[in-house]
């Protein structure tokens, strides 16, 4: 009879231990996933910053070309269809 009682008492403890282990594994998995997402976000932010700088340079060049072109519009020749871009 004592064995049966002690077995019944250890089962809930074992289940609790298993739940704690499962919870800890899930927590570790979420921490790893969170780190991965943060790393991807940082890489994306760097790429966007670089792209913004490139686009800003392109827009400056276009603005300068248009500014020069507006002062002497007769010198501006639009590209023909056969001209490669």
PDB file of N, CA and C in Angstrom:
ATOM      1  N   UNK A   1       0.810  -1.181   0.000  1.00  0.00           N
ATOM      2  CA  UNK A   1       0.000   0.000   0.000  1.00  0.00           C
ATOM      3  C   UNK A   1       0.862   1.257   0.000  1.00  0.00           C
ATOM      4  N   UNK A   2       1.953   1.254   0.699  1.00  0.00           N
ATOM      5  CA  UNK A   2       2.839   2.405   0.718  1.00  0.00           C
ATOM      6  C   UNK A   2       3.460   2.648  -0.649  1.00  0.00           C
ATOM      7  N   UNK A   3       3.769   1.577  -1.365  1.00  0.00           N
ATOM      8  CA  UNK A   3       4.340   1.726  -2.703  1.00  0.00           C
ATOM      9  C   UNK A   3       3.361   2.402  -3.642  1.00  0.00           C
ATOM     10  N   UNK A   4       2.119   2.016  -3.549  1.00  0.00           N
ATOM     11  CA  UNK A   4       1.106   2.604  -4.418  1.00  0.00           C
ATOM     12  C   UNK A   4       0.956   4.093  -4.136  1.00  0.00           C
ATOM     13  N   UNK A   5       0.983   4.469  -2.866  1.00  0.00           N
ATOM     14  CA  UNK A   5       0.864   5.884  -2.530  1.00  0.00           C
ATOM     15  C   UNK A   5       2.081   6.671  -3.010  1.00  0.00           C
ATOM     16  N   UNK A   6       3.256   6.124  -2.826  1.00  0.00           N
ATOM     17  CA  UNK A   6       4.459   6.850  -3.246  1.00  0.00           C
ATOM     18  C   UNK A   6       4.528   6.954  -4.770  1.00  0.00           C
ATOM     19  N   UNK A   7       4.038   5.946  -5.470  1.00  0.00           N
ATOM     20  CA  UNK A   7       4.007   5.999  -6.930  1.00  0.00           C
ATOM     21  C   UNK A   7       3.049   7.073  -7.399  1.00  0.00           C
ATOM     22  N   UNK A   8       1.900   7.155  -6.753  1.00  0.00           N
ATOM     23  CA  UNK A   8       0.930   8.180  -7.127  1.00  0.00           C
ATOM     24  C   UNK A   8       1.483   9.577  -6.860  1.00  0.00           C
ATOM     25  N   UNK A   9       2.255   9.713  -5.806  1.00  0.00           N
ATOM     26  CA  UNK A   9       2.825  11.014  -5.493  1.00  0.00           C
ATOM     27  C   UNK A   9       3.939  11.382  -6.472  1.00  0.00           C
ATOM     28  N   UNK A  10       4.699  10.424  -6.940  1.00  0.00           N
ATOM     29  CA  UNK A  10       5.809  10.734  -7.849  1.00  0.00           C
ATOM     30  C   UNK A  10       5.319  11.012  -9.259  1.00  0.00           C
ATOM     31  N   UNK A  11       4.206  10.428  -9.645  1.00  0.00           N
ATOM     32  CA  UNK A  11       3.694  10.681 -10.995  1.00  0.00           C
ATOM     33  C   UNK A  11       3.411  12.159 -11.235  1.00  0.00           C
ATOM     34  N   UNK A  12       2.680  12.831 -10.345  1.00  0.00           N
ATOM     35  CA  UNK A  12       2.462  14.258 -10.579  1.00  0.00           C
ATOM     36  C   UNK A  12       3.775  15.040 -10.616  1.00  0.00           C
ATOM     37  N   UNK A  13       4.735  14.638  -9.782  1.00  0.00           N
ATOM     38  CA  UNK A  13       6.029  15.315  -9.793  1.00  0.00           C
ATOM     39  C   UNK A  13       6.717  15.079 -11.134  1.00  0.00           C
ATOM     40  N   UNK A  14       6.673  13.871 -11.648  1.00  0.00           N
ATOM     41  CA  UNK A  14       7.282  13.571 -12.937  1.00  0.00           C
ATOM     42  C   UNK A  14       6.597  14.368 -14.045  1.00  0.00           C
ATOM     43  N   UNK A  15       5.277  14.451 -13.994  1.00  0.00           N
ATOM     44  CA  UNK A  15       4.554  15.230 -14.998  1.00  0.00           C
ATOM     45  C   UNK A  15       4.934  16.700 -14.902  1.00  0.00           C
ATOM     46  N   UNK A  16       5.062  17.178 -13.675  1.00  0.00           N
ATOM     47  CA  UNK A  16       5.457  18.565 -13.473  1.00  0.00           C
ATOM     48  C   UNK A  16       6.873  18.796 -14.003  1.00  0.00           C
ATOM     49  N   UNK A  17       7.756  17.843 -13.726  1.00  0.00           N
ATOM     50  CA  UNK A  17       9.123  17.944 -14.243  1.00  0.00           C
ATOM     51  C   UNK A  17       9.128  17.960 -15.766  1.00  0.00           C
ATOM     52  N   UNK A  18       8.318  17.103 -16.369  1.00  0.00           N
ATOM     53  CA  UNK A  18       8.237  17.060 -17.831  1.00  0.00           C
ATOM     54  C   UNK A  18       7.683  18.367 -18.386  1.00  0.00           C
ATOM     55  N   UNK A  19       6.685  18.914 -17.709  1.00  0.00           N
ATOM     56  CA  UNK A  19       6.131  20.203 -18.140  1.00  0.00           C
ATOM     57  C   UNK A  19       7.171  21.313 -18.020  1.00  0.00           C
ATOM     58  N   UNK A  20       7.935  21.298 -16.941  1.00  0.00           N
ATOM     59  CA  UNK A  20       8.989  22.303 -16.757  1.00  0.00           C
ATOM     60  C   UNK A  20      10.057  22.167 -17.836  1.00  0.00           C
ATOM     61  N   UNK A  21      10.427  20.944 -18.142  1.00  0.00           N
ATOM     62  CA  UNK A  21      11.425  20.701 -19.187  1.00  0.00           C
ATOM     63  C   UNK A  21      10.887  21.154 -20.539  1.00  0.00           C
ATOM     64  N   UNK A  22       9.636  20.806 -20.831  1.00  0.00           N
ATOM     65  CA  UNK A  22       9.028  21.216 -22.103  1.00  0.00           C
ATOM     66  C   UNK A  22       8.947  22.739 -22.187  1.00  0.00           C
ATOM     67  N   UNK A  23       8.584  23.366 -21.084  1.00  0.00           N
ATOM     68  CA  UNK A  23       8.503  24.832 -21.045  1.00  0.00           C
ATOM     69  C   UNK A  23       9.882  25.445 -21.286  1.00  0.00           C
ATOM     70  N   UNK A  24      10.896  24.909 -20.648  1.00  0.00           N
ATOM     71  CA  UNK A  24      12.256  25.435 -20.804  1.00  0.00           C
ATOM     72  C   UNK A  24      12.757  25.242 -22.235  1.00  0.00           C
ATOM     73  N   UNK A  25      12.451  24.097 -22.828  1.00  0.00           N
ATOM     74  CA  UNK A  25      12.848  23.861 -24.225  1.00  0.00           C
ATOM     75  C   UNK A  25      12.156  24.848 -25.161  1.00  0.00           C
ATOM     76  N   UNK A  26      10.877  25.080 -24.933  1.00  0.00           N
ATOM     77  CA  UNK A  26      10.129  26.041 -25.751  1.00  0.00           C
ATOM     78  C   UNK A  26      10.690  27.447 -25.561  1.00  0.00           C
ATOM     79  N   UNK A  27      11.034  27.783 -24.338  1.00  0.00           N
ATOM     80  CA  UNK A  27      11.616  29.095 -24.040  1.00  0.00           C
ATOM     81  C   UNK A  27      12.947  29.265 -24.770  1.00  0.00           C
ATOM     82  N   UNK A  28      13.791  28.249 -24.709  1.00  0.00           N
ATOM     83  CA  UNK A  28      15.088  28.297 -25.400  1.00  0.00           C
ATOM     84  C   UNK A  28      14.891  28.448 -26.910  1.00  0.00           C
ATOM     85  N   UNK A  29      13.909  27.732 -27.439  1.00  0.00           N
ATOM     86  CA  UNK A  29      13.608  27.816 -28.870  1.00  0.00           C
ATOM     87  C   UNK A  29      13.167  29.232 -29.240  1.00  0.00           C
ATOM     88  N   UNK A  30      12.314  29.827 -28.419  1.00  0.00           N
ATOM     89  CA  UNK A  30      11.831  31.185 -28.683  1.00  0.00           C
ATOM     90  C   UNK A  30      12.953  32.213 -28.555  1.00  0.00           C
ATOM     91  N   UNK A  31      13.846  32.014 -27.606  1.00  0.00           N
ATOM     92  CA  UNK A  31      14.988  32.921 -27.458  1.00  0.00           C
ATOM     93  C   UNK A  31      15.866  32.855 -28.696  1.00  0.00           C
ATOM     94  N   UNK A  32      16.139  31.642 -29.184  1.00  0.00           N
ATOM     95  CA  UNK A  32      16.957  31.479 -30.386  1.00  0.00           C
ATOM     96  C   UNK A  32      16.277  32.112 -31.600  1.00  0.00           C
ATOM     97  N   UNK A  33      14.980  31.902 -31.721  1.00  0.00           N
ATOM     98  CA  UNK A  33      14.233  32.482 -32.839  1.00  0.00           C
ATOM     99  C   UNK A  33      14.234  34.011 -32.755  1.00  0.00           C
ATOM    100  N   UNK A  34      14.088  34.537 -31.555  1.00  0.00           N
ATOM    101  CA  UNK A  34      14.111  35.981 -31.340  1.00  0.00           C
ATOM    102  C   UNK A  34      15.468  36.563 -31.748  1.00  0.00           C
ATOM    103  N   UNK A  35      16.541  35.889 -31.383  1.00  0.00           N
ATOM    104  CA  UNK A  35      17.887  36.343 -31.765  1.00  0.00           C
ATOM    105  C   UNK A  35      18.044  36.341 -33.282  1.00  0.00           C
ATOM    106  N   UNK A  36      17.533  35.304 -33.923  1.00  0.00           N
ATOM    107  CA  UNK A  36      17.620  35.209 -35.382  1.00  0.00           C
ATOM    108  C   UNK A  36      16.844  36.351 -36.043  1.00  0.00           C
ATOM    109  N   UNK A  37      15.652  36.629 -35.538  1.00  0.00           N
ATOM    110  CA  UNK A  37      14.829  37.707 -36.092  1.00  0.00           C
ATOM    111  C   UNK A  37      15.516  39.056 -35.893  1.00  0.00           C
ATOM    112  N   UNK A  38      16.115  39.268 -34.719  1.00  0.00           N
ATOM    113  CA  UNK A  38      16.830  40.521 -34.461  1.00  0.00           C
ATOM    114  C   UNK A  38      18.011  40.677 -35.411  1.00  0.00           C
ATOM    115  N   UNK A  39      18.727  39.585 -35.675  1.00  0.00           N
ATOM    116  CA  UNK A  39      19.860  39.628 -36.598  1.00  0.00           C
ATOM    117  C   UNK A  39      19.385  39.954 -38.015  1.00  0.00           C
ATOM    118  N   UNK A  40      18.298  39.313 -38.443  1.00  0.00           N
ATOM    119  CA  UNK A  40      17.745  39.593 -39.773  1.00  0.00           C
ATOM    120  C   UNK A  40      17.274  41.041 -39.874  1.00  0.00           C
ATOM    121  N   UNK A  41      16.682  41.553 -38.810  1.00  0.00           N
ATOM    122  CA  UNK A  41      16.230  42.942 -38.787  1.00  0.00           C
ATOM    123  C   UNK A  41      17.412  43.896 -38.922  1.00  0.00           C
ATOM    124  N   UNK A  42      18.483  43.618 -38.200  1.00  0.00           N
ATOM    125  CA  UNK A  42      19.672  44.471 -38.278  1.00  0.00           C
ATOM    126  C   UNK A  42      20.248  44.455 -39.689  1.00  0.00           C
ATOM    127  N   UNK A  43      20.310  43.282 -40.315  1.00  0.00           N
ATOM    128  CA  UNK A  43      20.822  43.184 -41.688  1.00  0.00           C
ATOM    129  C   UNK A  43      19.920  43.938 -42.657  1.00  0.00           C
ATOM    130  N   UNK A  44      18.623  43.831 -42.466  1.00  0.00           N
ATOM    131  CA  UNK A  44      17.675  44.530 -43.332  1.00  0.00           C
ATOM    132  C   UNK A  44      17.809  46.040 -43.172  1.00  0.00           C
ATOM    133  N   UNK A  45      17.990  46.490 -41.935  1.00  0.00           N
ATOM    134  CA  UNK A  45      18.157  47.925 -41.698  1.00  0.00           C
ATOM    135  C   UNK A  45      19.416  48.452 -42.379  1.00  0.00           C
ATOM    136  N   UNK A  46      20.501  47.686 -42.336  1.00  0.00           N
ATOM    137  CA  UNK A  46      21.738  48.091 -43.010  1.00  0.00           C
ATOM    138  C   UNK A  46      21.513  48.149 -44.513  1.00  0.00           C
ATOM    139  N   UNK A  47      20.853  47.134 -45.062  1.00  0.00           N
ATOM    140  CA  UNK A  47      20.583  47.110 -46.505  1.00  0.00           C
ATOM    141  C   UNK A  47      19.703  48.292 -46.909  1.00  0.00           C
ATOM    142  N   UNK A  48      18.689  48.593 -46.116  1.00  0.00           N
ATOM    143  CA  UNK A  48      17.815  49.731 -46.422  1.00  0.00           C
ATOM    144  C   UNK A  48      18.570  51.054 -46.337  1.00  0.00           C
ATOM    145  N   UNK A  49      19.444  51.174 -45.359  1.00  0.00           N
ATOM    146  CA  UNK A  49      20.246  52.390 -45.227  1.00  0.00           C
ATOM    147  C   UNK A  49      21.147  52.574 -46.452  1.00  0.00           C
ATOM    148  N   UNK A  50      21.784  51.480 -46.880  1.00  0.00           N
ATOM    149  CA  UNK A  50      22.639  51.539 -48.071  1.00  0.00           C
ATOM    150  C   UNK A  50      21.828  51.897 -49.312  1.00  0.00           C
ATOM    151  N   UNK A  51      20.675  51.286 -49.438  1.00  0.00           N
ATOM    152  CA  UNK A  51      19.801  51.553 -50.590  1.00  0.00           C
ATOM    153  C   UNK A  51      19.341  53.013 -50.589  1.00  0.00           C
ATOM    154  N   UNK A  52      19.022  53.528 -49.424  1.00  0.00           N
ATOM    155  CA  UNK A  52      18.599  54.920 -49.309  1.00  0.00           C
ATOM    156  C   UNK A  52      19.731  55.860 -49.738  1.00  0.00           C
ATOM    157  N   UNK A  53      20.961  55.548 -49.319  1.00  0.00           N
ATOM    158  CA  UNK A  53      22.103  56.376 -49.709  1.00  0.00           C
ATOM    159  C   UNK A  53      22.329  56.337 -51.219  1.00  0.00           C
ATOM    160  N   UNK A  54      22.213  55.158 -51.805  1.00  0.00           N
ATOM    161  CA  UNK A  54      22.381  55.021 -53.257  1.00  0.00           C
ATOM    162  C   UNK A  54      21.296  55.804 -53.982  1.00  0.00           C
ATOM    163  N   UNK A  55      20.054  55.627 -53.547  1.00  0.00           N
ATOM    164  CA  UNK A  55      18.941  56.340 -54.184  1.00  0.00           C
ATOM    165  C   UNK A  55      19.080  57.847 -54.027  1.00  0.00           C
ATOM    166  N   UNK A  56      19.549  58.274 -52.872  1.00  0.00           N
ATOM    167  CA  UNK A  56      19.751  59.703 -52.645  1.00  0.00           C
ATOM    168  C   UNK A  56      20.786  60.254 -53.621  1.00  0.00           C
ATOM    169  N   UNK A  57      21.863  59.512 -53.826  1.00  0.00           N
ATOM    170  CA  UNK A  57      22.887  59.923 -54.792  1.00  0.00           C
ATOM    171  C   UNK A  57      22.334  59.991 -56.201  1.00  0.00           C
ATOM    172  N   UNK A  58      21.525  59.001 -56.558  1.00  0.00           N
ATOM    173  CA  UNK A  58      20.916  58.996 -57.893  1.00  0.00           C
ATOM    174  C   UNK A  58      19.979  60.188 -58.070  1.00  0.00           C
ATOM    175  N   UNK A  59      19.184  60.462 -57.052  1.00  0.00           N
ATOM    176  CA  UNK A  59      18.258  61.597 -57.135  1.00  0.00           C
ATOM    177  C   UNK A  59      19.011  62.923 -57.236  1.00  0.00           C
ATOM    178  N   UNK A  60      20.128  63.039 -56.520  1.00  0.00           N
ATOM    179  CA  UNK A  60      20.942  64.255 -56.622  1.00  0.00           C
ATOM    180  C   UNK A  60      21.451  64.431 -58.048  1.00  0.00           C
ATOM    181  N   UNK A  61      21.936  63.337 -58.627  1.00  0.00           N
ATOM    182  CA  UNK A  61      22.447  63.393 -60.002  1.00  0.00           C
ATOM    183  C   UNK A  61      21.344  63.784 -60.977  1.00  0.00           C
ATOM    184  N   UNK A  62      20.181  63.186 -60.814  1.00  0.00           N
ATOM    185  CA  UNK A  62      19.050  63.506 -61.693  1.00  0.00           C
ATOM    186  C   UNK A  62      18.654  64.970 -61.524  1.00  0.00           C
ATOM    187  N   UNK A  63      18.602  65.438 -60.277  1.00  0.00           N
ATOM    188  CA  UNK A  63      18.249  66.828 -60.020  1.00  0.00           C
ATOM    189  C   UNK A  63      19.258  67.772 -60.671  1.00  0.00           C
ATOM    190  N   UNK A  64      20.548  67.445 -60.545  1.00  0.00           N
ATOM    191  CA  UNK A  64      21.584  68.281 -61.160  1.00  0.00           C
ATOM    192  C   UNK A  64      21.442  68.293 -62.674  1.00  0.00           C
ATOM    193  N   UNK A  65      21.177  67.131 -63.257  1.00  0.00           N
ATOM    194  CA  UNK A  65      20.991  67.062 -64.711  1.00  0.00           C
ATOM    195  C   UNK A  65      19.784  67.885 -65.142  1.00  0.00           C
ATOM    196  N   UNK A  66      18.699  67.768 -64.394  1.00  0.00           N
ATOM    197  CA  UNK A  66      17.494  68.525 -64.738  1.00  0.00           C
ATOM    198  C   UNK A  66      17.702  70.021 -64.523  1.00  0.00           C
ATOM    199  N   UNK A  67      18.435  70.377 -63.493  1.00  0.00           N
ATOM    200  CA  UNK A  67      18.710  71.796 -63.239  1.00  0.00           C
ATOM    201  C   UNK A  67      19.556  72.389 -64.355  1.00  0.00           C
ATOM    202  N   UNK A  68      20.555  71.659 -64.785  1.00  0.00           N
ATOM    203  CA  UNK A  68      21.395  72.119 -65.895  1.00  0.00           C
ATOM    204  C   UNK A  68      20.597  72.137 -67.186  1.00  0.00           C
ATOM    205  N   UNK A  69      19.742  71.136 -67.363  1.00  0.00           N
ATOM    206  CA  UNK A  69      18.938  71.032 -68.576  1.00  0.00           C
ATOM    207  C   UNK A  69      17.913  72.135 -68.681  1.00  0.00           C
ATOM    208  N   UNK A  70      17.384  72.595 -67.566  1.00  0.00           N
ATOM    209  CA  UNK A  70      16.363  73.642 -67.626  1.00  0.00           C
ATOM    210  C   UNK A  70      16.973  74.988 -67.996  1.00  0.00           C
ATOM    211  N   UNK A  71      18.243  75.216 -67.655  1.00  0.00           N
ATOM    212  CA  UNK A  71      18.884  76.481 -68.020  1.00  0.00           C
ATOM    213  C   UNK A  71      19.241  76.515 -69.497  1.00  0.00           C
ATOM    214  N   UNK A  72      19.552  75.368 -70.060  1.00  0.00           N
ATOM    215  CA  UNK A  72      19.837  75.308 -71.503  1.00  0.00           C
ATOM    216  C   UNK A  72      19.080  74.125 -72.085  1.00  0.00           C
ATOM    217  N   UNK A  73      17.782  74.273 -72.221  1.00  0.00           N
ATOM    218  CA  UNK A  73      16.931  73.172 -72.662  1.00  0.00           C
ATOM    219  C   UNK A  73      17.201  72.764 -74.096  1.00  0.00           C
ATOM    220  N   UNK A  74      17.822  73.636 -74.894  1.00  0.00           N
ATOM    221  CA  UNK A  74      18.091  73.281 -76.286  1.00  0.00           C
ATOM    222  C   UNK A  74      19.201  72.240 -76.390  1.00  0.00           C
ATOM    223  N   UNK A  75      20.059  72.134 -75.365  1.00  0.00           N
ATOM    224  CA  UNK A  75      21.146  71.155 -75.423  1.00  0.00           C
ATOM    225  C   UNK A  75      20.695  69.770 -74.980  1.00  0.00           C
ATOM    226  N   UNK A  76      19.512  69.672 -74.400  1.00  0.00           N
ATOM    227  CA  UNK A  76      19.011  68.384 -73.946  1.00  0.00           C
ATOM    228  C   UNK A  76      18.446  67.602 -75.118  1.00  0.00           C
ATOM    229  N   UNK A  77      18.988  66.396 -75.325  1.00  0.00           N
ATOM    230  CA  UNK A  77      18.510  65.526 -76.397  1.00  0.00           C
ATOM    231  C   UNK A  77      18.000  64.251 -75.748  1.00  0.00           C
ATOM    232  N   UNK A  78      16.712  63.966 -75.878  1.00  0.00           N
ATOM    233  CA  UNK A  78      16.192  62.733 -75.282  1.00  0.00           C
ATOM    234  C   UNK A  78      16.746  61.522 -76.023  1.00  0.00           C
ATOM    235  N   UNK A  79      16.974  60.416 -75.322  1.00  0.00           N
ATOM    236  CA  UNK A  79      17.496  59.214 -75.984  1.00  0.00           C
ATOM    237  C   UNK A  79      16.472  58.637 -76.949  1.00  0.00           C
ATOM    238  N   UNK A  80      16.990  58.099 -78.038  1.00  0.00           N
ATOM    239  CA  UNK A  80      16.091  57.464 -79.006  1.00  0.00           C
ATOM    240  C   UNK A  80      15.775  56.055 -78.538  1.00  0.00           C
ATOM    241  N   UNK A  81      14.824  55.406 -79.203  1.00  0.00           N
ATOM    242  CA  UNK A  81      14.427  54.055 -78.816  1.00  0.00           C
ATOM    243  C   UNK A  81      15.553  53.055 -79.008  1.00  0.00           C
ATOM    244  N   UNK A  82      16.471  53.318 -79.931  1.00  0.00           N
ATOM    245  CA  UNK A  82      17.551  52.369 -80.201  1.00  0.00           C
ATOM    246  C   UNK A  82      18.738  52.563 -79.265  1.00  0.00           C
ATOM    247  N   UNK A  83      18.725  53.609 -78.461  1.00  0.00           N
ATOM    248  CA  UNK A  83      19.831  53.860 -77.550  1.00  0.00           C
ATOM    249  C   UNK A  83      19.708  52.949 -76.338  1.00  0.00           C
ATOM    250  N   UNK A  84      20.776  52.146 -76.060  1.00  0.00           N
ATOM    251  CA  UNK A  84      20.707  51.274 -74.878  1.00  0.00           C
ATOM    252  C   UNK A  84      20.788  52.110 -73.603  1.00  0.00           C
ATOM    253  N   UNK A  85      20.088  51.668 -72.611  1.00  0.00           N
ATOM    254  CA  UNK A  85      20.059  52.401 -71.340  1.00  0.00           C
ATOM    255  C   UNK A  85      21.035  51.787 -70.378  1.00  0.00           C
TER     256      UNK A  85
END
